[in-house]
Amino acid sequence: MTDAWRRGLDGLLAAAGLDPAAGIQAVSADRLAASPFDPSLPLLILAASPSSGAEAAPTLPGRHVRSGPQSILAALYPPGHPIRPLPDGDLTTIEAVDDTRLRAGDWLVPPLSPADNLASPHGMAAISARLRAPDGCPWDRRQDHKSLRTYLLEEAYETVDAIERGSPGDLAEELGDLYLQVVLHAQLAAEAGQFDLTDVYRTLGAKIVRRHPHVFGDLAVSGVEQVLHNWETIKSAEREEAGRPPASFEGVARALPALPASREIQERASALGWDWPAIDGVWDKVGEEMDELRTAAAEPSHSEARLHELGDVLFALVNLGRWLGVDPEEALRSANRRWVERWTAVEALAAERGLVLADLDAEGKDQLWNEVKVAKSK
């Protein structure tokens, strides 16, 4: 930093009335899109270099739907948030300033309070801590890791539903609800002195980098199959380093629904080299398990055998789905949704014709069902 540049920055700090010891951020206007600044601290926007272009810096991952300085500010600060040109300009709002003006001069953007810092990763953590404070929310203060389990699963399923049927806005909202669960659990652990969000970020980042040596290292891979094999090999090595005995299926969560758990088990088995050489064997296995289920079904007193054989059929079908590249959970949800949609259409068709469904025999219901099925297939 040159003496002249330092004197210039000192002058801006004095004009802005800022104490560096309290924390500040100073970013060139042409670097705003590339800089992970946080709105909870005062922001000095410095005039862009005359030689820099509008695309001089890459956009920070996580904010890369936007690129220009004004759009970045508008996304991170609430409507009407003030901004002041330095050294002695009048207050205006972020909406009233365009990219050209931002790049042409120096600006001060006042900080946000934690409750208003909604678009920053640090904002939600501060809000969560406030909810858990002695004078916070009674409901939030009563929660613990176990009591939040139901909400974690519920938000995960609502996120899946938004992926399948929602708009981009719905998905953004549900991802936020899911992220809230991560923040709350980290807050609980921080209060107990166990870990905080820093540990969550570090553990996740280190794991992903470690398990992708073909991206962050010099390992060459031939395709997806080798990536999956390497992933399982690295996980096995991690268990050994941690002093845990080999357990290839240890990480399959007991709370995971049965269909995705079955798929994960079979994907791991395949990655470990235990798999059919071709899909023909999988088809044969499905047929074999169906035959065994028919045999068990013929013995009305053997309910345990029926349970066992039906489970084997489902397990074999999950494996078939894996070979076909079809997620069994997604396939069954799709079938459930189609059935409900068709039945709703049957009810509407019956009402249109003045029919009472409860009074129709099976043949009458089938006729309506088939009409709806043909109409929806067109």
Foldseek 3Di string as FASTA:
>chain_A
DDPVVVVVVVLQCVLVVHDCVVPEEEEEQLCQQVDQDAQQHKYKYAAADPPADNNNDQGHPVRRVDRHSLVSVPQQADPPFWKAFPNDGDIDTSVVDDRVVSNHGMMIGHGDDLCRRPRHPVSLLVVLVQCCDPPHPPVLVPDAPVVCPVQLVVLVVQLVVCVVDNDPVSNVVSVVSNVSNVSSNQSRCVVVVRHHVVVVVVVVVVLVLQLPCVVNNVDDDDDDLVSLLSNLVSVQVVCVVVVHPRDSLVPQDPPDPPQVSLLVVVSSCVSVPNDDPDCVVLVVQLVVLVVQLVVQVVDVVPVVSNVVSVVSNSSSVSVSCVRVVHRVVVVVVVVVVVVVVLVVQLVVVCVVVVHDVVPDDPVVSVVSSVVSVVVVVD
